[in-house]
C-alpha atoms as a PDB file:
ATOM      1  CA  MET A   1       0.004  -0.045  -0.059  1.00  0.00           C
ATOM      2  CA  TRP A   2       2.817   2.384   0.694  1.00  0.00           C
ATOM      3  CA  ILE A   3       4.106   1.811  -2.879  1.00  0.00           C
ATOM      4  CA  VAL A   4       0.806   3.161  -4.219  1.00  0.00           C
ATOM      5  CA  ARG A   5       1.038   6.226  -1.914  1.00  0.00           C
ATOM      6  CA  TRP A   6       4.564   7.080  -3.143  1.00  0.00           C
ATOM      7  CA  VAL A   7       3.629   6.453  -6.774  1.00  0.00           C
ATOM      8  CA  LEU A   8       0.657   8.878  -6.428  1.00  0.00           C
ATOM      9  CA  LEU A   9       2.853  11.448  -4.547  1.00  0.00           C
ATOM     10  CA  VAL A  10       5.426  11.326  -7.369  1.00  0.00           C
ATOM     11  CA  LEU A  11       2.671  11.675 -10.049  1.00  0.00           C
ATOM     12  CA  ALA A  12       1.348  14.652  -8.235  1.00  0.00           C
ATOM     13  CA  ILE A  13       4.712  16.405  -7.968  1.00  0.00           C
ATOM     14  CA  VAL A  14       5.387  15.721 -11.676  1.00  0.00           C
ATOM     15  CA  ALA A  15       2.085  17.093 -12.578  1.00  0.00           C
ATOM     16  CA  VAL A  16       2.638  20.294 -10.601  1.00  0.00           C
ATOM     17  CA  LEU A  17       6.134  20.715 -11.901  1.00  0.00           C
ATOM     18  CA  GLY A  18       4.966  20.197 -15.479  1.00  0.00           C
ATOM     19  CA  PHE A  19       2.246  22.632 -14.951  1.00  0.00           C
ATOM     20  CA  ALA A  20       4.807  25.198 -13.554  1.00  0.00           C
ATOM     21  CA  LEU A  21       7.217  24.826 -16.442  1.00  0.00           C
ATOM     22  CA  GLN A  22       4.488  25.241 -19.160  1.00  0.00           C
ATOM     23  CA  ASN A  23       3.070  28.400 -17.554  1.00  0.00           C
ATOM     24  CA  GLN A  24       6.220  30.471 -16.718  1.00  0.00           C
ATOM     25  CA  GLN A  25       5.182  33.422 -18.886  1.00  0.00           C
ATOM     26  CA  GLY A  26       1.949  34.253 -17.333  1.00  0.00           C
ATOM     27  CA  GLU A  27       1.861  36.808 -14.369  1.00  0.00           C
ATOM     28  CA  VAL A  28      -1.036  37.568 -12.111  1.00  0.00           C
ATOM     29  CA  GLU A  29      -1.706  40.005  -9.223  1.00  0.00           C
ATOM     30  CA  ILE A  30      -3.531  38.524  -6.145  1.00  0.00           C
ATOM     31  CA  GLN A  31      -5.612  40.847  -4.104  1.00  0.00           C
ATOM     32  CA  PHE A  32      -7.217  39.893  -0.856  1.00  0.00           C
ATOM     33  CA  LEU A  33      -8.938  42.683   1.258  1.00  0.00           C
ATOM     34  CA  LYS A  34      -6.330  45.436   1.274  1.00  0.00           C
ATOM     35  CA  TRP A  35      -3.412  43.050   0.692  1.00  0.00           C
ATOM     36  CA  SER A  36      -1.891  42.764  -2.699  1.00  0.00           C
ATOM     37  CA  THR A  37       1.017  40.567  -4.020  1.00  0.00           C
ATOM     38  CA  GLY A  38       2.019  42.484  -7.070  1.00  0.00           C
ATOM     39  CA  GLU A  39       2.887  40.886 -10.282  1.00  0.00           C
ATOM     40  CA  ILE A  40       3.953  37.161  -9.618  1.00  0.00           C
ATOM     41  CA  PRO A  41       4.133  34.198 -11.972  1.00  0.00           C
ATOM     42  CA  LEU A  42       0.993  32.131 -12.440  1.00  0.00           C
ATOM     43  CA  TYR A  43       2.723  28.952 -11.389  1.00  0.00           C
ATOM     44  CA  LEU A  44       3.888  30.430  -8.096  1.00  0.00           C
ATOM     45  CA  ALA A  45       0.374  31.724  -7.229  1.00  0.00           C
ATOM     46  CA  LEU A  46      -1.011  28.172  -7.986  1.00  0.00           C
ATOM     47  CA  PHE A  47       1.710  26.468  -6.114  1.00  0.00           C
ATOM     48  CA  ALA A  48       1.018  28.610  -3.053  1.00  0.00           C
ATOM     49  CA  ALA A  49      -2.524  27.767  -3.205  1.00  0.00           C
ATOM     50  CA  PHE A  50      -1.727  24.033  -3.445  1.00  0.00           C
ATOM     51  CA  ALA A  51       0.632  24.327  -0.585  1.00  0.00           C
ATOM     52  CA  PHE A  52      -1.990  26.122   1.485  1.00  0.00           C
ATOM     53  CA  GLY A  53      -4.500  23.377   0.761  1.00  0.00           C
ATOM     54  CA  MET A  54      -2.147  20.689   1.781  1.00  0.00           C
ATOM     55  CA  VAL A  55      -1.297  22.345   4.986  1.00  0.00           C
ATOM     56  CA  THR A  56      -4.971  22.904   5.648  1.00  0.00           C
ATOM     57  CA  PHE A  57      -5.579  19.170   4.974  1.00  0.00           C
ATOM     58  CA  LEU A  58      -2.679  18.217   7.253  1.00  0.00           C
ATOM     59  CA  LEU A  59      -3.966  20.224  10.229  1.00  0.00           C
ATOM     60  CA  ILE A  60      -7.609  18.698   9.737  1.00  0.00           C
ATOM     61  CA  SER A  61      -6.204  15.305   9.671  1.00  0.00           C
ATOM     62  CA  VAL A  62      -4.089  15.724  12.678  1.00  0.00           C
ATOM     63  CA  PHE A  63      -7.034  16.906  14.776  1.00  0.00           C
ATOM     64  CA  SER A  64      -9.178  14.138  13.367  1.00  0.00           C
ATOM     65  CA  HIS A  65      -6.526  11.772  14.411  1.00  0.00           C
ATOM     66  CA  LEU A  66      -6.154  13.094  17.872  1.00  0.00           C
ATOM     67  CA  GLN A  67     -10.088  12.715  18.160  1.00  0.00           C
ATOM     68  CA  VAL A  68      -9.802   9.176  17.094  1.00  0.00           C
ATOM     69  CA  LEU A  69      -7.099   8.495  19.671  1.00  0.00           C
ATOM     70  CA  SER A  70      -9.188  10.039  22.480  1.00  0.00           C
ATOM     71  CA  GLU A  71     -12.086   7.858  21.453  1.00  0.00           C
ATOM     72  CA  LEU A  72      -9.782   4.808  21.457  1.00  0.00           C
ATOM     73  CA  GLY A  73      -8.532   5.571  24.971  1.00  0.00           C
ATOM     74  CA  LYS A  74     -12.193   5.804  26.280  1.00  0.00           C
ATOM     75  CA  VAL A  75     -13.034   2.477  24.539  1.00  0.00           C
ATOM     76  CA  LYS A  76      -9.954   0.804  26.138  1.00  0.00           C
ATOM     77  CA  LYS A  77     -10.832   2.098  29.588  1.00  0.00           C
ATOM     78  CA  GLN A  78     -14.441   0.781  28.979  1.00  0.00           C
ATOM     79  CA  LYS A  79     -12.976  -2.713  27.723  1.00  0.00           C
ATOM     80  CA  LYS A  80     -10.864  -2.969  30.967  1.00  0.00           C
ATOM     81  CA  LYS A  81     -13.777  -2.292  33.087  1.00  0.00           C
ATOM     82  CA  LEU A  82     -15.924  -4.832  31.270  1.00  0.00           C
ATOM     83  CA  ASP A  83     -13.013  -7.352  31.536  1.00  0.00           C
ATOM     84  CA  ALA A  84     -12.979  -6.995  35.265  1.00  0.00           C
ATOM     85  CA  GLU A  85     -16.731  -7.415  35.414  1.00  0.00           C
ATOM     86  CA  LEU A  86     -16.491 -10.553  33.297  1.00  0.00           C
ATOM     87  CA  GLU A  87     -13.788 -11.966  35.600  1.00  0.00           C
ATOM     88  CA  GLU A  88     -16.114 -11.414  38.606  1.00  0.00           C
ATOM     89  CA  VAL A  89     -18.908 -13.250  36.763  1.00  0.00           C
ATOM     90  CA  HIS A  90     -16.607 -15.988  35.920  1.00  0.00           C
ATOM     91  CA  ALA A  91     -15.501 -16.360  39.649  1.00  0.00           C
ATOM     92  CA  GLU A  92     -19.093 -16.190  40.829  1.00  0.00           C
ATOM     93  CA  LEU A  93     -20.036 -18.853  38.180  1.00  0.00           C
ATOM     94  CA  ALA A  94     -17.091 -21.086  39.375  1.00  0.00           C
ATOM     95  CA  GLU A  95     -18.159 -20.641  43.041  1.00  0.00           C
ATOM     96  CA  VAL A  96     -21.839 -21.664  42.102  1.00  0.00           C
ATOM     97  CA  LYS A  97     -20.526 -24.703  40.256  1.00  0.00           C
ATOM     98  CA  SER A  98     -18.265 -25.749  43.196  1.00  0.00           C
ATOM     99  CA  ARG A  99     -21.237 -25.454  45.612  1.00  0.00           C
ATOM    100  CA  LEU A 100     -23.427 -27.474  43.232  1.00  0.00           C
ATOM    101  CA  HIS A 101     -20.878 -30.373  42.972  1.00  0.00           C
ATOM    102  CA  ALA A 102     -20.147 -30.212  46.644  1.00  0.00           C
ATOM    103  CA  ARG A 103     -23.718 -31.009  47.677  1.00  0.00           C
ATOM    104  CA  PRO A 104     -24.603 -34.613  48.354  1.00  0.00           C
ATOM    105  CA  LEU A 105     -27.209 -36.114  45.844  1.00  0.00           C
ATOM    106  CA  GLN A 106     -30.576 -36.086  47.523  1.00  0.00           C
ATOM    107  CA  ALA A 107     -33.325 -38.500  46.877  1.00  0.00           C
ATOM    108  CA  SER A 108     -35.686 -37.408  44.057  1.00  0.00           C
ATOM    109  CA  THR A 109     -38.678 -38.087  46.224  1.00  0.00           C
ATOM    110  CA  GLU A 110     -37.797 -35.110  48.547  1.00  0.00           C
ATOM    111  CA  GLU A 111     -39.701 -31.974  47.697  1.00  0.00           C
ATOM    112  CA  GLY A 112     -37.650 -28.996  46.477  1.00  0.00           C
ATOM    113  CA  ALA A 113     -34.493 -30.884  46.051  1.00  0.00           C
ATOM    114  CA  GLY A 114     -33.455 -28.895  43.067  1.00  0.00           C
ATOM    115  CA  SER A 115     -35.514 -25.777  43.539  1.00  0.00           C
ATOM    116  CA  GLU A 116     -33.137 -24.084  45.907  1.00  0.00           C
ATOM    117  CA  ILE A 117     -30.175 -24.463  43.543  1.00  0.00           C
ATOM    118  CA  SER A 118     -32.166 -23.329  40.523  1.00  0.00           C
ATOM    119  CA  THR A 119     -33.599 -20.281  42.440  1.00  0.00           C
ATOM    120  CA  THR A 120     -30.058 -19.462  43.599  1.00  0.00           C
ATOM    121  CA  PHE A 121     -28.615 -19.700  39.985  1.00  0.00           C
ATOM    122  CA  LYS A 122     -31.551 -17.743  38.603  1.00  0.00           C
ATOM    123  CA  GLU A 123     -31.009 -14.869  41.216  1.00  0.00           C
ATOM    124  CA  ARG A 124     -27.401 -14.591  40.300  1.00  0.00           C
ATOM    125  CA  MET A 125     -28.194 -14.281  36.586  1.00  0.00           C
END
């Protein structure tokens, strides 16, 4: 994937340089509010606009990346909390299983032989 990025970057640079070399004779004057550049070559004005766009995109990307990292940190904290909670549930389940296996088997004729265990298990869930 990095090769594709480098190829695209090289193609963009070649295109910008080709454009600049073909437009050396044109001159423009850029005015913004009360600020004026005077006569400058067209390729220089276009290159400045291109560079400004690249820097703007870079800044937007950095802020977006920082926002994603912040969200990732929150998700990691939540995952850690849920993992701890899962460990507690596993421990409780193991405890219930050990109590269940530790009980001696009772005759099936007794009333409520399994009802206490099933009630305790349902309360835990």
